[in-house]
């Protein structure tokens, strides 16, 4: 997956780097932490204010304050990264701006 996750001032932003014009999801660090916990516990839909929906064909969308669309393969790669704790640092309120680009 080519995802870009960034955080600053208590807000986490997530976009699909392969198609950033497809949207940016902005959420609080607390809601992002809830999403990560739900994904790690394999609870879907997570109760985080972020809805994960699987559309027709290969489409996966994350909806919250904005929408990010990706493919099932890219979503699965993102979830593998979550399970490997790659995004945990974004769930804590950062003192400075942080970002991560995942290319899988």
Protein backbone atom coordinates (compact mmCIF):
# COMPACT_ATOMS: atom_id res chain seq x y z
CA UNK A 1 0.00 0.00 0.00
CA UNK A 2 1.13 3.51 -0.63
CA UNK A 3 -0.50 5.30 2.27
CA UNK A 4 0.51 8.58 3.80
CA UNK A 5 -0.27 9.06 7.47
CA UNK A 6 0.59 12.32 9.19
CA UNK A 7 -0.25 13.99 12.46
CA UNK A 8 0.05 17.46 13.93
CA UNK A 9 -1.73 19.27 16.72
CA UNK A 10 -3.88 16.27 17.71
CA UNK A 11 -5.17 15.59 14.18
CA UNK A 12 -4.26 12.52 12.13
CA UNK A 13 -4.55 12.68 8.36
CA UNK A 14 -4.64 9.63 6.10
CA UNK A 15 -4.57 9.61 2.32
CA UNK A 16 -3.85 7.13 -0.45
CA UNK A 17 -0.51 8.33 -1.83
CA UNK A 18 -1.21 6.68 -5.19
CA UNK A 19 -4.26 8.91 -5.59
CA UNK A 20 -4.30 11.79 -3.09
CA UNK A 21 -6.99 13.46 -5.19
CA UNK A 22 -9.28 10.68 -3.95
CA UNK A 23 -9.50 12.39 -0.58
CA UNK A 24 -8.00 12.91 2.83
CA UNK A 25 -9.47 11.52 6.01
CA UNK A 26 -8.83 13.71 9.06
CA UNK A 27 -9.53 12.40 12.53
CA UNK A 28 -8.47 12.97 16.12
CA UNK A 29 -5.60 11.03 17.61
CA UNK A 30 -8.10 9.39 19.99
CA UNK A 31 -10.34 8.22 17.12
CA UNK A 32 -7.29 6.98 15.19
CA UNK A 33 -6.15 5.05 18.28
CA UNK A 34 -9.61 3.47 18.49
CA UNK A 35 -9.41 2.53 14.81
CA UNK A 36 -5.99 0.91 15.33
CA UNK A 37 -7.24 -1.05 18.37
CA UNK A 38 -10.29 -2.23 16.43
CA UNK A 39 -8.18 -3.36 13.48
CA UNK A 40 -5.77 -5.20 15.78
CA UNK A 41 -8.70 -6.91 17.50
CA UNK A 42 -10.22 -7.59 14.07
CA UNK A 43 -13.39 -5.72 15.05
CA UNK A 44 -15.11 -4.23 12.08
CA UNK A 45 -16.75 -1.87 11.88
CA UNK A 46 -14.66 -0.08 14.50
CA UNK A 47 -16.44 2.22 16.92
CA UNK A 48 -14.07 5.10 16.28
CA UNK A 49 -16.00 7.62 14.25
CA UNK A 50 -14.23 6.18 11.21
CA UNK A 51 -16.30 3.82 9.09
CA UNK A 52 -14.62 1.21 6.91
CA UNK A 53 -16.83 0.04 4.06
CA UNK A 54 -16.19 -2.53 1.36
CA UNK A 55 -17.87 -1.51 -1.85
CA UNK A 56 -18.43 -3.33 -5.09
CA UNK A 57 -15.46 -5.10 -6.59
CA UNK A 58 -12.15 -4.09 -5.07
CA UNK A 59 -13.19 -0.80 -3.41
CA UNK A 60 -12.53 -0.03 0.27
CA UNK A 61 -13.46 3.34 1.73
CA UNK A 62 -12.65 4.98 5.04
CA UNK A 63 -15.21 7.62 5.98
CA UNK A 64 -14.98 10.09 8.80
CA UNK A 65 -14.12 13.74 8.39
CA UNK A 66 -13.41 13.13 4.72
CA UNK A 67 -13.17 9.96 2.68
CA UNK A 68 -10.22 7.89 1.48
CA UNK A 69 -10.73 5.25 -1.20
CA UNK A 70 -8.33 2.40 -1.88
CA UNK A 71 -8.27 -1.15 -3.16
CA UNK A 72 -8.76 -4.29 -1.09
CA UNK A 73 -5.11 -5.27 -1.69
CA UNK A 74 -3.86 -1.87 -0.50
CA UNK A 75 -6.22 -1.95 2.50
CA UNK A 76 -4.93 -5.39 3.48
CA UNK A 77 -1.34 -4.08 3.29
CA UNK A 78 -2.32 -1.13 5.52
CA UNK A 79 -3.89 -3.51 8.06
CA UNK A 80 -0.73 -5.65 8.04
CA UNK A 81 1.22 -2.50 8.88
CA UNK A 82 -1.21 -1.70 11.70
CA UNK A 83 -0.77 -5.24 13.06
CA UNK A 84 3.01 -4.68 12.95
CA UNK A 85 2.54 -1.50 15.05
CA UNK A 86 3.77 0.79 12.25
CA UNK A 87 1.10 3.43 12.91
CA UNK A 88 0.99 3.40 16.71
CA UNK A 89 3.01 6.61 17.08
CA UNK A 90 0.22 8.54 15.34
CA UNK A 91 -2.30 7.50 17.98
CA UNK A 92 -0.52 9.53 20.67
CA UNK A 93 -0.95 13.29 20.65
CA UNK A 94 2.28 14.49 19.04
CA UNK A 95 4.31 17.44 20.21
CA UNK A 96 5.53 17.95 16.64
CA UNK A 97 4.47 17.05 13.14
CA UNK A 98 5.05 13.41 12.13
CA UNK A 99 4.46 11.56 8.91
CA UNK A 100 4.86 8.09 7.43
CA UNK A 101 4.67 6.81 3.90
CA UNK A 102 4.05 3.09 3.55
CA UNK A 103 4.90 1.53 0.20
CA UNK A 104 3.87 -2.09 -0.15
